[in-house]
Amino acid sequence: METDLDKTTTFFRFEDLRVYHKALDYIDWVYRKANTFSENGSSALSKRFFDSAQAIALHIAEGSARNKSQFIYYLKMAKSSVRECVVHTSLAGKQHFINETEQEESRHQLMEMTKMLGALIGSLQRSAGITDTDDD
């Protein structure tokens, strides 16, 4: 007999989204990298980078509890947080806190999340009959 605990779907629907799990993986990546920044004298960049990475997942989670048009708004906010992380990645590279390979790894993860968020936004817009376009 299957209990409620055995079900594969989650109570919080955002936990079923692959982009949410990608965001969690990215938070983990940033946490591991940013911890070394403070050893090199840049705890401010470390904190801002980590906060921006967290904001991606937080916007996805918050928006999922809203109606479709509000969810779209929060997903666009998540994309804004992705762009913040691109800037933090560049700054960390310029300060030699991360190497070129790590910069490319970060950018790859961010591009993947941007594409996933864009696809989710597009899908929600089509299902809600919204014609607003999302540029990136």
C-alpha atoms as a PDB file:
ATOM      1  CA  MET A   1       0.000   0.000   0.000  1.00  0.00           C
ATOM      2  CA  GLU A   2       1.380   3.369  -1.035  1.00  0.00           C
ATOM      3  CA  THR A   3       1.416   6.165   1.516  1.00  0.00           C
ATOM      4  CA  ASP A   4       1.569   9.906   0.896  1.00  0.00           C
ATOM      5  CA  LEU A   5       5.294   9.776   1.696  1.00  0.00           C
ATOM      6  CA  ASP A   6       5.923   7.246  -1.101  1.00  0.00           C
ATOM      7  CA  LYS A   7       4.605   9.456  -3.903  1.00  0.00           C
ATOM      8  CA  THR A   8       7.154  10.766  -6.375  1.00  0.00           C
ATOM      9  CA  THR A   9       5.571  14.196  -6.766  1.00  0.00           C
ATOM     10  CA  THR A  10       6.341  16.833  -4.209  1.00  0.00           C
ATOM     11  CA  PHE A  11       4.083  19.037  -2.163  1.00  0.00           C
ATOM     12  CA  PHE A  12       5.933  22.140  -3.354  1.00  0.00           C
ATOM     13  CA  ARG A  13       5.528  22.128  -7.125  1.00  0.00           C
ATOM     14  CA  PHE A  14       8.699  24.148  -7.774  1.00  0.00           C
ATOM     15  CA  GLU A  15      10.657  21.131  -6.512  1.00  0.00           C
ATOM     16  CA  ASP A  16       9.470  19.283  -9.623  1.00  0.00           C
ATOM     17  CA  LEU A  17      11.144  21.832 -11.912  1.00  0.00           C
ATOM     18  CA  ARG A  18      14.529  20.862 -13.356  1.00  0.00           C
ATOM     19  CA  VAL A  19      15.591  24.519 -13.503  1.00  0.00           C
ATOM     20  CA  TYR A  20      15.092  24.758  -9.730  1.00  0.00           C
ATOM     21  CA  HIS A  21      17.471  21.830  -9.200  1.00  0.00           C
ATOM     22  CA  LYS A  22      19.976  23.393 -11.620  1.00  0.00           C
ATOM     23  CA  ALA A  23      19.766  26.567  -9.539  1.00  0.00           C
ATOM     24  CA  LEU A  24      20.472  24.580  -6.365  1.00  0.00           C
ATOM     25  CA  ASP A  25      23.492  22.985  -8.029  1.00  0.00           C
ATOM     26  CA  TYR A  26      24.716  26.427  -9.049  1.00  0.00           C
ATOM     27  CA  ILE A  27      24.278  27.754  -5.495  1.00  0.00           C
ATOM     28  CA  ASP A  28      26.438  24.878  -4.296  1.00  0.00           C
ATOM     29  CA  TRP A  29      29.067  25.642  -6.955  1.00  0.00           C
ATOM     30  CA  VAL A  30      29.130  29.354  -6.051  1.00  0.00           C
ATOM     31  CA  TYR A  31      29.315  28.547  -2.343  1.00  0.00           C
ATOM     32  CA  ARG A  32      32.368  26.351  -2.851  1.00  0.00           C
ATOM     33  CA  LYS A  33      34.111  28.934  -5.054  1.00  0.00           C
ATOM     34  CA  ALA A  34      33.088  32.057  -3.132  1.00  0.00           C
ATOM     35  CA  ASN A  35      34.385  30.671   0.153  1.00  0.00           C
ATOM     36  CA  THR A  36      37.874  31.109  -1.249  1.00  0.00           C
ATOM     37  CA  PHE A  37      37.263  34.789  -2.132  1.00  0.00           C
ATOM     38  CA  SER A  38      37.238  35.891   1.501  1.00  0.00           C
ATOM     39  CA  GLU A  39      40.580  34.163   2.026  1.00  0.00           C
ATOM     40  CA  ASN A  40      41.869  36.483  -0.716  1.00  0.00           C
ATOM     41  CA  GLY A  41      40.317  39.628   0.758  1.00  0.00           C
ATOM     42  CA  SER A  42      36.976  39.923  -1.045  1.00  0.00           C
ATOM     43  CA  SER A  43      34.203  38.847   1.272  1.00  0.00           C
ATOM     44  CA  ALA A  44      31.918  41.553  -0.223  1.00  0.00           C
ATOM     45  CA  LEU A  45      32.066  40.023  -3.723  1.00  0.00           C
ATOM     46  CA  SER A  46      31.655  36.578  -2.190  1.00  0.00           C
ATOM     47  CA  LYS A  47      28.459  37.586  -0.368  1.00  0.00           C
ATOM     48  CA  ARG A  48      26.930  39.384  -3.357  1.00  0.00           C
ATOM     49  CA  PHE A  49      27.723  36.470  -5.686  1.00  0.00           C
ATOM     50  CA  PHE A  50      26.210  33.958  -3.268  1.00  0.00           C
ATOM     51  CA  ASP A  51      23.115  36.141  -2.698  1.00  0.00           C
ATOM     52  CA  SER A  52      22.532  36.485  -6.462  1.00  0.00           C
ATOM     53  CA  ALA A  53      22.901  32.725  -6.951  1.00  0.00           C
ATOM     54  CA  GLN A  54      20.405  32.071  -4.161  1.00  0.00           C
ATOM     55  CA  ALA A  55      17.986  34.589  -5.648  1.00  0.00           C
ATOM     56  CA  ILE A  56      17.621  32.447  -8.776  1.00  0.00           C
ATOM     57  CA  ALA A  57      16.149  29.532  -6.807  1.00  0.00           C
ATOM     58  CA  LEU A  58      14.252  31.806  -4.424  1.00  0.00           C
ATOM     59  CA  HIS A  59      12.460  33.625  -7.272  1.00  0.00           C
ATOM     60  CA  ILE A  60      11.484  30.303  -8.857  1.00  0.00           C
ATOM     61  CA  ALA A  61      10.111  29.035  -5.535  1.00  0.00           C
ATOM     62  CA  GLU A  62       8.264  32.245  -4.685  1.00  0.00           C
ATOM     63  CA  GLY A  63       6.716  32.615  -8.122  1.00  0.00           C
ATOM     64  CA  SER A  64       5.462  29.049  -8.249  1.00  0.00           C
ATOM     65  CA  ALA A  65       2.932  29.836  -5.528  1.00  0.00           C
ATOM     66  CA  ARG A  66       1.405  32.633  -7.620  1.00  0.00           C
ATOM     67  CA  ASN A  67      -0.867  32.795 -10.643  1.00  0.00           C
ATOM     68  CA  LYS A  68       0.654  32.342 -14.121  1.00  0.00           C
ATOM     69  CA  SER A  69       1.300  35.989 -14.896  1.00  0.00           C
ATOM     70  CA  GLN A  70       2.935  36.520 -11.499  1.00  0.00           C
ATOM     71  CA  PHE A  71       4.952  33.307 -11.901  1.00  0.00           C
ATOM     72  CA  ILE A  72       6.212  34.660 -15.235  1.00  0.00           C
ATOM     73  CA  TYR A  73       7.243  37.878 -13.477  1.00  0.00           C
ATOM     74  CA  TYR A  74       9.207  35.939 -10.839  1.00  0.00           C
ATOM     75  CA  LEU A  75      10.847  33.764 -13.497  1.00  0.00           C
ATOM     76  CA  LYS A  76      11.975  36.957 -15.231  1.00  0.00           C
ATOM     77  CA  MET A  77      13.367  38.110 -11.892  1.00  0.00           C
ATOM     78  CA  ALA A  78      15.247  34.797 -11.697  1.00  0.00           C
ATOM     79  CA  LYS A  79      16.710  35.585 -15.136  1.00  0.00           C
ATOM     80  CA  SER A  80      17.807  38.976 -13.790  1.00  0.00           C
ATOM     81  CA  SER A  81      19.597  37.176 -10.973  1.00  0.00           C
ATOM     82  CA  VAL A  82      21.277  34.958 -13.569  1.00  0.00           C
ATOM     83  CA  ARG A  83      22.595  38.104 -15.272  1.00  0.00           C
ATOM     84  CA  GLU A  84      23.878  39.390 -11.925  1.00  0.00           C
ATOM     85  CA  CYS A  85      25.792  36.125 -11.580  1.00  0.00           C
ATOM     86  CA  VAL A  86      27.339  36.683 -15.022  1.00  0.00           C
ATOM     87  CA  VAL A  87      28.709  40.009 -13.770  1.00  0.00           C
ATOM     88  CA  HIS A  88      29.955  38.427 -10.521  1.00  0.00           C
ATOM     89  CA  THR A  89      31.623  35.691 -12.566  1.00  0.00           C
ATOM     90  CA  SER A  90      33.416  38.305 -14.662  1.00  0.00           C
ATOM     91  CA  LEU A  91      34.497  40.273 -11.598  1.00  0.00           C
ATOM     92  CA  ALA A  92      35.756  37.133  -9.864  1.00  0.00           C
ATOM     93  CA  GLY A  93      37.760  36.292 -12.970  1.00  0.00           C
ATOM     94  CA  LYS A  94      39.242  39.787 -13.239  1.00  0.00           C
ATOM     95  CA  GLN A  95      40.291  39.595  -9.593  1.00  0.00           C
ATOM     96  CA  HIS A  96      41.812  36.133 -10.202  1.00  0.00           C
ATOM     97  CA  PHE A  97      39.511  34.510  -7.626  1.00  0.00           C
ATOM     98  CA  ILE A  98      38.450  31.980 -10.267  1.00  0.00           C
ATOM     99  CA  ASN A  99      40.376  30.787 -13.307  1.00  0.00           C
ATOM    100  CA  GLU A 100      39.242  30.770 -16.952  1.00  0.00           C
ATOM    101  CA  THR A 101      37.956  27.203 -16.751  1.00  0.00           C
ATOM    102  CA  GLU A 102      35.838  28.072 -13.708  1.00  0.00           C
ATOM    103  CA  GLN A 103      34.541  31.193 -15.466  1.00  0.00           C
ATOM    104  CA  GLU A 104      33.470  29.074 -18.435  1.00  0.00           C
ATOM    105  CA  GLU A 105      31.868  26.513 -16.106  1.00  0.00           C
ATOM    106  CA  SER A 106      29.889  29.267 -14.392  1.00  0.00           C
ATOM    107  CA  ARG A 107      28.839  30.853 -17.691  1.00  0.00           C
ATOM    108  CA  HIS A 108      27.770  27.465 -19.064  1.00  0.00           C
ATOM    109  CA  GLN A 109      25.551  26.790 -16.055  1.00  0.00           C
ATOM    110  CA  LEU A 110      24.089  30.294 -16.272  1.00  0.00           C
ATOM    111  CA  MET A 111      23.368  29.986 -20.007  1.00  0.00           C
ATOM    112  CA  GLU A 112      21.658  26.648 -19.406  1.00  0.00           C
ATOM    113  CA  MET A 113      19.450  28.132 -16.686  1.00  0.00           C
ATOM    114  CA  THR A 114      18.637  31.136 -18.881  1.00  0.00           C
ATOM    115  CA  LYS A 115      17.475  28.844 -21.673  1.00  0.00           C
ATOM    116  CA  MET A 116      15.432  26.728 -19.267  1.00  0.00           C
ATOM    117  CA  LEU A 117      13.826  29.785 -17.675  1.00  0.00           C
ATOM    118  CA  GLY A 118      13.066  31.226 -21.123  1.00  0.00           C
ATOM    119  CA  ALA A 119      11.430  27.977 -22.206  1.00  0.00           C
ATOM    120  CA  LEU A 120       9.339  27.846 -19.025  1.00  0.00           C
ATOM    121  CA  ILE A 121       8.321  31.488 -19.440  1.00  0.00           C
ATOM    122  CA  GLY A 122       7.346  30.846 -23.059  1.00  0.00           C
ATOM    123  CA  SER A 123       5.323  27.792 -22.125  1.00  0.00           C
ATOM    124  CA  LEU A 124       3.469  29.655 -19.384  1.00  0.00           C
ATOM    125  CA  GLN A 125       2.823  32.607 -21.691  1.00  0.00           C
ATOM    126  CA  ARG A 126       1.386  30.353 -24.395  1.00  0.00           C
ATOM    127  CA  SER A 127      -0.855  28.513 -21.939  1.00  0.00           C
ATOM    128  CA  ALA A 128      -2.070  31.797 -20.464  1.00  0.00           C
ATOM    129  CA  GLY A 129      -2.519  33.436 -23.882  1.00  0.00           C
ATOM    130  CA  ILE A 130       0.041  36.137 -23.097  1.00  0.00           C
ATOM    131  CA  THR A 131       1.846  37.538 -26.158  1.00  0.00           C
ATOM    132  CA  ASP A 132       4.677  39.333 -24.291  1.00  0.00           C
ATOM    133  CA  THR A 133       8.036  38.222 -25.664  1.00  0.00           C
ATOM    134  CA  ASP A 134      11.087  37.430 -23.609  1.00  0.00           C
ATOM    135  CA  ASP A 135      14.304  38.499 -25.319  1.00  0.00           C
ATOM    136  CA  ASP A 136      16.917  36.246 -23.682  1.00  0.00           C
END
